[in-house]
Amino acid sequence: MSLNRQWRFALVAAGLCLQSGCTAENAEDILPETVYYDTATKSTFVMERAFETPAVHPQTGRPTLVPAIHCPKCSQWRPTPPVEELQRNPKAMECPRCGTRMSFDGPLPDSP
């Protein structure tokens, strides 16, 4: 995408956001809770969606949280692969254990 086209896209997106009343006050409504995988402890963590990844763990203050995806067959949450891998590898969203397609939907785990 050319730079000129990127700017047009950004301006249209900003205009739509302003027109729909997108403000910092209602950001909680737009960004619901999501499941994160803590790369340090290999556990899951539920918190409000962060704007950056890896997200900062609220208890440790370290950026160790990545979005998690759920395998419905194994009933396990796993770390989401990097965007580059998702774009290159069509099997990146498959469970490494059983091969089932994973998704961002699943039962919310208990946070530590």
N, C-alpha and C. Protein backbone atom coordinates (compact mmCIF):
# COMPACT_ATOMS: atom_id res chain seq x y z
N MET A 1 0.85 -1.17 0.00
CA MET A 1 0.00 0.00 0.00
C MET A 1 0.89 1.23 0.00
N SER A 2 0.59 2.16 -0.89
CA SER A 2 1.42 3.36 -0.99
C SER A 2 1.20 4.26 0.22
N LEU A 3 2.15 5.16 0.44
CA LEU A 3 2.07 6.07 1.57
C LEU A 3 0.84 6.96 1.46
N ASN A 4 0.54 7.47 0.26
CA ASN A 4 -0.63 8.31 0.05
C ASN A 4 -1.91 7.55 0.39
N ARG A 5 -1.98 6.29 0.00
CA ARG A 5 -3.16 5.48 0.27
C ARG A 5 -3.29 5.18 1.76
N GLN A 6 -2.15 4.97 2.44
CA GLN A 6 -2.17 4.74 3.88
C GLN A 6 -2.71 5.96 4.62
N TRP A 7 -2.31 7.16 4.19
CA TRP A 7 -2.80 8.38 4.84
C TRP A 7 -4.30 8.53 4.63
N ARG A 8 -4.77 8.23 3.41
CA ARG A 8 -6.21 8.31 3.14
C ARG A 8 -6.97 7.34 4.02
N PHE A 9 -6.45 6.13 4.15
CA PHE A 9 -7.08 5.13 4.99
C PHE A 9 -7.13 5.60 6.45
N ALA A 10 -6.02 6.16 6.93
CA ALA A 10 -5.96 6.64 8.32
C ALA A 10 -6.95 7.78 8.54
N LEU A 11 -7.07 8.69 7.59
CA LEU A 11 -8.01 9.80 7.73
C LEU A 11 -9.45 9.32 7.72
N VAL A 12 -9.78 8.36 6.86
CA VAL A 12 -11.13 7.81 6.83
C VAL A 12 -11.43 7.09 8.13
N ALA A 13 -10.49 6.31 8.63
CA ALA A 13 -10.68 5.59 9.90
C ALA A 13 -10.88 6.57 11.05
N ALA A 14 -10.08 7.63 11.08
CA ALA A 14 -10.22 8.63 12.15
C ALA A 14 -11.57 9.33 12.04
N GLY A 15 -12.00 9.65 10.84
CA GLY A 15 -13.30 10.28 10.65
C GLY A 15 -14.44 9.40 11.11
N LEU A 16 -14.37 8.12 10.79
CA LEU A 16 -15.41 7.19 11.23
C LEU A 16 -15.42 7.06 12.75
N CYS A 17 -14.24 7.05 13.33
CA CYS A 17 -14.13 6.94 14.78
C CYS A 17 -14.75 8.17 15.45
N LEU A 18 -14.45 9.36 14.93
CA LEU A 18 -15.02 10.58 15.50
C LEU A 18 -16.52 10.64 15.30
N GLN A 19 -16.97 10.22 14.12
CA GLN A 19 -18.40 10.26 13.83
C GLN A 19 -19.18 9.30 14.73
N SER A 20 -18.57 8.15 15.06
CA SER A 20 -19.28 7.17 15.88
C SER A 20 -19.15 7.48 17.37
N GLY A 21 -18.42 8.52 17.73
CA GLY A 21 -18.29 8.89 19.14
C GLY A 21 -17.23 8.10 19.86
N CYS A 22 -16.23 7.63 19.16
CA CYS A 22 -15.15 6.86 19.75
C CYS A 22 -14.26 7.80 20.57
N THR A 23 -14.32 7.67 21.89
CA THR A 23 -13.52 8.52 22.76
C THR A 23 -12.83 7.67 23.81
N ALA A 24 -11.95 8.25 24.55
CA ALA A 24 -11.24 7.52 25.60
C ALA A 24 -12.21 7.07 26.69
N GLU A 25 -13.33 7.80 26.88
CA GLU A 25 -14.27 7.44 27.93
C GLU A 25 -14.94 6.10 27.65
N ASN A 26 -15.21 5.79 26.37
CA ASN A 26 -15.90 4.54 26.08
C ASN A 26 -14.95 3.49 25.53
N ALA A 27 -13.66 3.63 25.78
CA ALA A 27 -12.68 2.66 25.29
C ALA A 27 -12.89 1.29 25.94
N GLU A 28 -13.40 1.27 27.18
CA GLU A 28 -13.65 -0.01 27.84
C GLU A 28 -14.71 -0.81 27.11
N ASP A 29 -15.69 -0.12 26.51
CA ASP A 29 -16.74 -0.81 25.77
C ASP A 29 -16.18 -1.43 24.49
N ILE A 30 -15.20 -0.78 23.88
CA ILE A 30 -14.63 -1.25 22.63
C ILE A 30 -13.61 -2.36 22.90
N LEU A 31 -12.89 -2.26 23.99
CA LEU A 31 -11.83 -3.21 24.31
C LEU A 31 -12.25 -4.09 25.49
N PRO A 32 -12.95 -5.20 25.22
CA PRO A 32 -13.39 -6.06 26.31
C PRO A 32 -12.23 -6.85 26.90
N GLU A 33 -12.52 -7.62 27.94
CA GLU A 33 -11.50 -8.48 28.52
C GLU A 33 -11.09 -9.54 27.51
N THR A 34 -9.84 -9.91 27.58
CA THR A 34 -9.33 -10.93 26.68
C THR A 34 -8.40 -11.86 27.46
N VAL A 35 -8.13 -13.01 26.89
CA VAL A 35 -7.26 -13.99 27.53
C VAL A 35 -5.84 -13.80 27.02
N TYR A 36 -4.90 -13.74 27.95
CA TYR A 36 -3.49 -13.61 27.62
C TYR A 36 -2.74 -14.84 28.14
N TYR A 37 -1.66 -15.15 27.47
CA TYR A 37 -0.77 -16.24 27.86
C TYR A 37 0.50 -15.60 28.40
N ASP A 38 0.84 -15.93 29.63
CA ASP A 38 2.05 -15.39 30.26
C ASP A 38 3.24 -16.25 29.83
N THR A 39 4.13 -15.67 29.04
CA THR A 39 5.26 -16.42 28.51
C THR A 39 6.29 -16.78 29.59
N ALA A 40 6.26 -16.08 30.71
CA ALA A 40 7.21 -16.37 31.79
C ALA A 40 6.76 -17.57 32.62
N THR A 41 5.46 -17.63 32.94
CA THR A 41 4.97 -18.70 33.80
C THR A 41 4.20 -19.79 33.05
N LYS A 42 3.95 -19.57 31.76
CA LYS A 42 3.19 -20.50 30.93
C LYS A 42 1.76 -20.69 31.44
N SER A 43 1.20 -19.64 32.01
CA SER A 43 -0.17 -19.69 32.51
C SER A 43 -1.02 -18.66 31.78
N THR A 44 -2.34 -18.78 31.94
CA THR A 44 -3.25 -17.84 31.29
C THR A 44 -3.64 -16.74 32.27
N PHE A 45 -4.03 -15.61 31.71
CA PHE A 45 -4.34 -14.43 32.51
C PHE A 45 -5.43 -13.66 31.78
N VAL A 46 -6.48 -13.24 32.49
CA VAL A 46 -7.57 -12.47 31.89
C VAL A 46 -7.46 -11.02 32.36
N MET A 47 -7.51 -10.11 31.38
CA MET A 47 -7.50 -8.68 31.71
C MET A 47 -8.06 -7.90 30.52
N GLU A 48 -8.23 -6.62 30.69
CA GLU A 48 -8.71 -5.78 29.59
C GLU A 48 -7.71 -5.82 28.47
N ARG A 49 -8.21 -5.76 27.24
CA ARG A 49 -7.35 -5.84 26.06
C ARG A 49 -6.37 -4.67 26.07
N ALA A 50 -5.12 -4.98 25.82
CA ALA A 50 -4.06 -3.97 25.78
C ALA A 50 -3.86 -3.48 24.35
N PHE A 51 -3.31 -2.29 24.22
CA PHE A 51 -3.05 -1.73 22.90
C PHE A 51 -1.76 -2.25 22.29
N GLU A 52 -0.84 -2.76 23.11
CA GLU A 52 0.44 -3.23 22.63
C GLU A 52 0.68 -4.66 23.09
N THR A 53 1.45 -5.41 22.30
CA THR A 53 1.87 -6.74 22.72
C THR A 53 3.37 -6.85 22.56
N PRO A 54 4.06 -7.50 23.44
CA PRO A 54 3.51 -8.15 24.62
C PRO A 54 3.00 -7.12 25.63
N ALA A 55 1.90 -7.48 26.27
CA ALA A 55 1.29 -6.60 27.26
C ALA A 55 2.03 -6.72 28.60
N VAL A 56 1.94 -5.68 29.37
CA VAL A 56 2.60 -5.65 30.68
C VAL A 56 1.72 -6.39 31.69
N HIS A 57 2.32 -7.33 32.37
CA HIS A 57 1.62 -8.08 33.42
C HIS A 57 1.37 -7.13 34.59
N PRO A 58 0.11 -6.98 35.03
CA PRO A 58 -0.17 -6.00 36.09
C PRO A 58 0.47 -6.33 37.44
N GLN A 59 0.78 -7.59 37.68
CA GLN A 59 1.38 -7.96 38.97
C GLN A 59 2.90 -7.88 38.96
N THR A 60 3.53 -8.23 37.83
CA THR A 60 5.00 -8.23 37.79
C THR A 60 5.57 -6.97 37.16
N GLY A 61 4.76 -6.28 36.33
CA GLY A 61 5.24 -5.09 35.65
C GLY A 61 6.13 -5.40 34.45
N ARG A 62 6.23 -6.67 34.08
CA ARG A 62 7.07 -7.09 32.95
C ARG A 62 6.20 -7.37 31.73
N PRO A 63 6.69 -7.08 30.51
CA PRO A 63 5.91 -7.33 29.29
C PRO A 63 6.00 -8.81 28.88
N THR A 64 5.19 -9.65 29.52
CA THR A 64 5.24 -11.09 29.26
C THR A 64 3.92 -11.66 28.76
N LEU A 65 2.90 -10.82 28.57
CA LEU A 65 1.58 -11.32 28.18
C LEU A 65 1.35 -11.18 26.68
N VAL A 66 1.03 -12.29 26.02
CA VAL A 66 0.67 -12.28 24.60
C VAL A 66 -0.76 -12.81 24.49
N PRO A 67 -1.51 -12.38 23.47
CA PRO A 67 -2.88 -12.89 23.31
C PRO A 67 -2.87 -14.41 23.20
N ALA A 68 -3.91 -15.03 23.73
CA ALA A 68 -4.00 -16.49 23.73
C ALA A 68 -5.10 -16.96 22.78
N ILE A 69 -4.91 -18.17 22.24
CA ILE A 69 -5.93 -18.81 21.41
C ILE A 69 -6.27 -20.15 22.05
N HIS A 70 -7.52 -20.58 21.84
CA HIS A 70 -8.04 -21.75 22.53
C HIS A 70 -8.24 -22.93 21.58
N CYS A 71 -7.84 -24.11 22.02
CA CYS A 71 -8.09 -25.34 21.27
C CYS A 71 -9.33 -25.99 21.88
N PRO A 72 -10.42 -26.11 21.11
CA PRO A 72 -11.64 -26.70 21.67
C PRO A 72 -11.49 -28.19 21.97
N LYS A 73 -10.62 -28.89 21.26
CA LYS A 73 -10.45 -30.33 21.47
C LYS A 73 -9.61 -30.61 22.72
N CYS A 74 -8.49 -29.91 22.85
CA CYS A 74 -7.59 -30.10 24.01
C CYS A 74 -8.06 -29.32 25.23
N SER A 75 -8.94 -28.35 25.01
CA SER A 75 -9.40 -27.44 26.08
C SER A 75 -8.23 -26.70 26.72
N GLN A 76 -7.28 -26.26 25.90
CA GLN A 76 -6.13 -25.53 26.41
C GLN A 76 -5.97 -24.21 25.68
N TRP A 77 -5.48 -23.21 26.43
CA TRP A 77 -5.12 -21.92 25.85
C TRP A 77 -3.64 -21.96 25.50
N ARG A 78 -3.30 -21.45 24.33
CA ARG A 78 -1.91 -21.42 23.86
C ARG A 78 -1.58 -20.00 23.40
N PRO A 79 -0.28 -19.64 23.35
CA PRO A 79 0.08 -18.30 22.87
C PRO A 79 -0.22 -18.15 21.38
N THR A 80 -0.71 -16.99 21.01
CA THR A 80 -0.96 -16.71 19.60
C THR A 80 0.37 -16.55 18.89
N PRO A 81 0.52 -17.19 17.72
CA PRO A 81 1.77 -17.02 16.95
C PRO A 81 1.93 -15.56 16.53
N PRO A 82 3.15 -15.13 16.24
CA PRO A 82 3.39 -13.77 15.76
C PRO A 82 2.63 -13.52 14.45
N VAL A 83 2.29 -12.26 14.19
CA VAL A 83 1.53 -11.88 13.00
C VAL A 83 2.23 -12.35 11.73
N GLU A 84 3.56 -12.24 11.70
CA GLU A 84 4.31 -12.66 10.51
C GLU A 84 4.08 -14.13 10.20
N GLU A 85 4.04 -14.96 11.25
CA GLU A 85 3.81 -16.39 11.05
C GLU A 85 2.37 -16.65 10.60
N LEU A 86 1.43 -15.92 11.17
CA LEU A 86 0.03 -16.08 10.77
C LEU A 86 -0.17 -15.74 9.30
N GLN A 87 0.55 -14.73 8.81
CA GLN A 87 0.43 -14.33 7.41
C GLN A 87 1.09 -15.33 6.46
N ARG A 88 2.17 -15.96 6.89
CA ARG A 88 2.92 -16.89 6.03
C ARG A 88 2.41 -18.31 6.08
N ASN A 89 2.01 -18.75 7.28
CA ASN A 89 1.73 -20.15 7.52
C ASN A 89 0.24 -20.39 7.75
N PRO A 90 -0.46 -21.05 6.81
CA PRO A 90 -1.89 -21.28 6.99
C PRO A 90 -2.19 -22.23 8.15
N LYS A 91 -1.21 -22.99 8.60
CA LYS A 91 -1.43 -23.93 9.70
C LYS A 91 -1.07 -23.33 11.06
N ALA A 92 -0.75 -22.06 11.10
CA ALA A 92 -0.33 -21.43 12.36
C ALA A 92 -1.43 -21.41 13.40
N MET A 93 -2.68 -21.42 12.97
CA MET A 93 -3.80 -21.41 13.92
C MET A 93 -4.25 -22.81 14.31
N GLU A 94 -3.50 -23.84 13.89
CA GLU A 94 -3.82 -25.20 14.27
C GLU A 94 -3.09 -25.56 15.56
N CYS A 95 -3.76 -26.34 16.40
CA CYS A 95 -3.17 -26.77 17.66
C CYS A 95 -1.95 -27.64 17.39
N PRO A 96 -0.79 -27.34 18.02
CA PRO A 96 0.40 -28.14 17.78
C PRO A 96 0.28 -29.56 18.32
N ARG A 97 -0.68 -29.77 19.23
CA ARG A 97 -0.84 -31.09 19.85
C ARG A 97 -1.76 -32.00 19.05
N CYS A 98 -2.94 -31.47 18.62
CA CYS A 98 -3.94 -32.34 17.98
C CYS A 98 -4.30 -31.92 16.56
N GLY A 99 -3.87 -30.72 16.11
CA GLY A 99 -4.14 -30.27 14.76
C GLY A 99 -5.48 -29.60 14.55
N THR A 100 -6.27 -29.45 15.62
CA THR A 100 -7.57 -28.78 15.52
C THR A 100 -7.38 -27.27 15.35
N ARG A 101 -8.25 -26.65 14.57
CA ARG A 101 -8.18 -25.20 14.37
C ARG A 101 -8.54 -24.51 15.68
N MET A 102 -7.69 -23.58 16.12
CA MET A 102 -7.91 -22.85 17.36
C MET A 102 -8.58 -21.52 17.08
N SER A 103 -9.18 -20.93 18.12
CA SER A 103 -9.85 -19.64 17.97
C SER A 103 -9.63 -18.80 19.23
N PHE A 104 -10.04 -17.54 19.14
CA PHE A 104 -9.92 -16.64 20.28
C PHE A 104 -11.09 -16.81 21.26
N ASP A 105 -12.07 -17.62 20.89
CA ASP A 105 -13.22 -17.88 21.75
C ASP A 105 -12.98 -19.14 22.55
N GLY A 106 -13.39 -19.09 23.79
CA GLY A 106 -13.25 -20.25 24.67
C GLY A 106 -13.65 -19.86 26.07
N PRO A 107 -13.73 -20.81 26.96
CA PRO A 107 -14.10 -20.48 28.35
C PRO A 107 -13.00 -19.65 29.00
N LEU A 108 -13.40 -18.63 29.72
CA LEU A 108 -12.42 -17.77 30.38
C LEU A 108 -11.76 -18.55 31.51
N PRO A 109 -10.43 -18.58 31.55
CA PRO A 109 -9.74 -19.25 32.64
C PRO A 109 -9.74 -18.37 33.88
N ASP A 110 -9.47 -18.98 35.01
CA ASP A 110 -9.31 -18.22 36.25
C ASP A 110 -7.98 -17.51 36.21
N SER A 111 -7.96 -16.22 36.57
CA SER A 111 -6.70 -15.48 36.60
C SER A 111 -5.97 -15.78 37.90
N PRO A 112 -4.64 -15.84 37.84
CA PRO A 112 -3.87 -16.10 39.07
C PRO A 112 -3.97 -14.97 40.06
